[in-house]
Amino acid sequence: MQKLKRNAKGQSAKLRECYVYEIRVDGVVRYIGKGCNDRIYYHLIEAKRTASRPGVKIRNLSPHFRKMLVSAVRRGLKITEKIIRSNLTQWRTALLQGLVSLQSKSGVARFQDGTAA
């Protein structure tokens, strides 16, 4: 994986633009998203915070993706984030997100609808 060049604030040039990204759990694509700035990292940061809180019941969490991501963190599964395409307009990110989701629908859909953990 290529290391991203960072600006004076420590933020990579890719993260300042809009992009489409994927989140994989144990190597399987489980989420396709779009964002700008540091959006790619928020899902996992929030899942780790939630997983570390005592007394949090996973079954009470929503949306379903968050519930499953917290469960994956607690089980110690390998979770990776990857930018698929960057330097896009917001319109192009929405279009590309839809196309990528359709291409990998089986893995993404199974995780989001709860039929696989």
Protein backbone atom coordinates (compact mmCIF):
# COMPACT_ATOMS: atom_id res chain seq x y z
CA MET A 1 0.00 0.00 0.00
CA GLN A 2 1.37 3.38 -1.00
CA LYS A 3 2.00 5.85 1.80
CA LEU A 4 0.00 9.08 1.41
CA LYS A 5 1.84 12.41 1.33
CA ARG A 6 0.74 14.72 4.13
CA ASN A 7 0.31 18.49 4.27
CA ALA A 8 1.34 20.85 7.09
CA LYS A 9 -1.67 19.80 9.19
CA GLY A 10 -0.77 16.11 8.82
CA GLN A 11 -3.70 15.44 6.49
CA SER A 12 -3.08 13.67 3.21
CA ALA A 13 -3.92 15.38 -0.06
CA LYS A 14 -6.31 12.52 -0.93
CA LEU A 15 -8.35 13.13 2.21
CA ARG A 16 -8.94 16.81 1.38
CA GLU A 17 -10.87 15.79 -1.76
CA CYS A 18 -14.10 13.80 -2.01
CA TYR A 19 -13.57 10.08 -2.37
CA VAL A 20 -15.24 6.67 -2.35
CA TYR A 21 -13.97 4.17 0.20
CA GLU A 22 -14.50 0.63 1.37
CA ILE A 23 -14.32 -1.02 4.77
CA ARG A 24 -13.27 -4.66 4.87
CA VAL A 25 -13.69 -7.09 7.74
CA ASP A 26 -11.34 -10.07 7.49
CA GLY A 27 -10.72 -9.24 3.83
CA VAL A 28 -14.39 -9.10 2.78
CA VAL A 29 -15.92 -5.79 1.65
CA ARG A 30 -18.59 -4.92 4.21
CA TYR A 31 -19.24 -1.24 3.49
CA ILE A 32 -18.90 1.17 0.58
CA GLY A 33 -19.06 4.84 1.49
CA LYS A 34 -18.30 8.31 0.21
CA GLY A 35 -16.80 11.21 2.05
CA CYS A 36 -14.36 14.08 2.32
CA ASN A 37 -11.65 14.91 4.83
CA ASP A 38 -11.30 12.21 7.52
CA ARG A 39 -14.72 10.57 7.00
CA ILE A 40 -13.13 7.22 6.14
CA TYR A 41 -11.88 6.84 9.73
CA TYR A 42 -15.02 7.81 11.69
CA HIS A 43 -16.74 4.41 11.47
CA LEU A 44 -13.88 2.50 13.04
CA ILE A 45 -13.04 5.19 15.62
CA GLU A 46 -16.66 5.22 16.82
CA ALA A 47 -16.87 1.41 16.79
CA LYS A 48 -13.73 1.14 18.95
CA ARG A 49 -15.09 3.70 21.42
CA THR A 50 -18.41 1.88 21.66
CA ALA A 51 -16.75 -1.54 21.97
CA SER A 52 -14.58 -0.32 24.86
CA ARG A 53 -17.52 1.02 26.91
CA PRO A 54 -18.60 -1.41 29.61
CA GLY A 55 -22.24 -2.45 29.62
CA VAL A 56 -22.99 -1.58 25.98
CA LYS A 57 -25.31 -4.17 24.47
CA ILE A 58 -24.53 -4.70 20.80
CA ARG A 59 -28.09 -5.75 20.00
CA ASN A 60 -29.33 -2.26 20.97
CA LEU A 61 -27.03 -0.42 18.53
CA SER A 62 -28.09 1.03 15.21
CA PRO A 63 -27.68 1.27 12.30
CA HIS A 64 -26.99 -2.38 11.58
CA PHE A 65 -23.55 -1.68 10.07
CA ARG A 66 -22.43 0.00 13.31
CA LYS A 67 -23.72 -2.96 15.32
CA MET A 68 -21.79 -5.40 13.17
CA LEU A 69 -18.61 -3.28 13.16
CA VAL A 70 -18.63 -3.03 16.98
CA SER A 71 -19.09 -6.80 17.11
CA ALA A 72 -16.12 -7.28 14.76
CA VAL A 73 -13.96 -5.00 16.94
CA ARG A 74 -14.88 -6.93 20.07
CA ARG A 75 -14.05 -10.23 18.36
CA GLY A 76 -10.67 -8.88 17.26
CA LEU A 77 -11.28 -9.28 13.52
CA LYS A 78 -9.02 -7.47 11.04
CA ILE A 79 -10.73 -4.25 9.85
CA THR A 80 -9.21 -2.19 7.03
CA GLU A 81 -10.23 1.03 5.31
CA LYS A 82 -9.21 1.81 1.74
CA ILE A 83 -9.84 4.73 -0.57
CA ILE A 84 -11.06 3.33 -3.90
CA ARG A 85 -11.12 6.61 -5.86
CA SER A 86 -10.24 10.14 -4.81
CA ASN A 87 -10.23 13.68 -6.18
CA LEU A 88 -13.91 13.46 -7.20
CA THR A 89 -16.81 15.89 -7.20
CA GLN A 90 -19.66 15.12 -4.80
CA TRP A 91 -21.85 14.07 -7.73
CA ARG A 92 -19.22 11.64 -9.02
CA THR A 93 -18.68 10.16 -5.54
CA ALA A 94 -22.40 9.37 -5.27
CA LEU A 95 -22.43 7.80 -8.73
CA LEU A 96 -19.27 5.74 -8.13
CA GLN A 97 -20.48 4.62 -4.69
CA GLY A 98 -23.61 3.22 -6.30
CA LEU A 99 -21.67 1.43 -9.02
CA VAL A 100 -19.15 -0.12 -6.63
CA SER A 101 -21.95 -1.22 -4.29
CA LEU A 102 -23.69 -2.97 -7.18
CA GLN A 103 -20.48 -4.75 -8.22
CA SER A 104 -19.77 -6.09 -4.73
CA LYS A 105 -23.38 -6.37 -3.60
CA SER A 106 -23.18 -9.92 -2.24
CA GLY A 107 -20.56 -9.16 0.43
CA VAL A 108 -21.85 -5.71 1.32
CA ALA A 109 -25.50 -6.76 1.44
CA ARG A 110 -24.87 -9.83 3.60
CA PHE A 111 -23.20 -7.74 6.27
CA GLN A 112 -25.76 -4.95 6.22
CA ASP A 113 -28.86 -7.16 6.34
CA GLY A 114 -27.54 -9.30 9.19
CA THR A 115 -27.30 -12.68 7.47
CA ALA A 116 -23.55 -12.87 8.07
CA ALA A 117 -21.38 -11.49 10.84
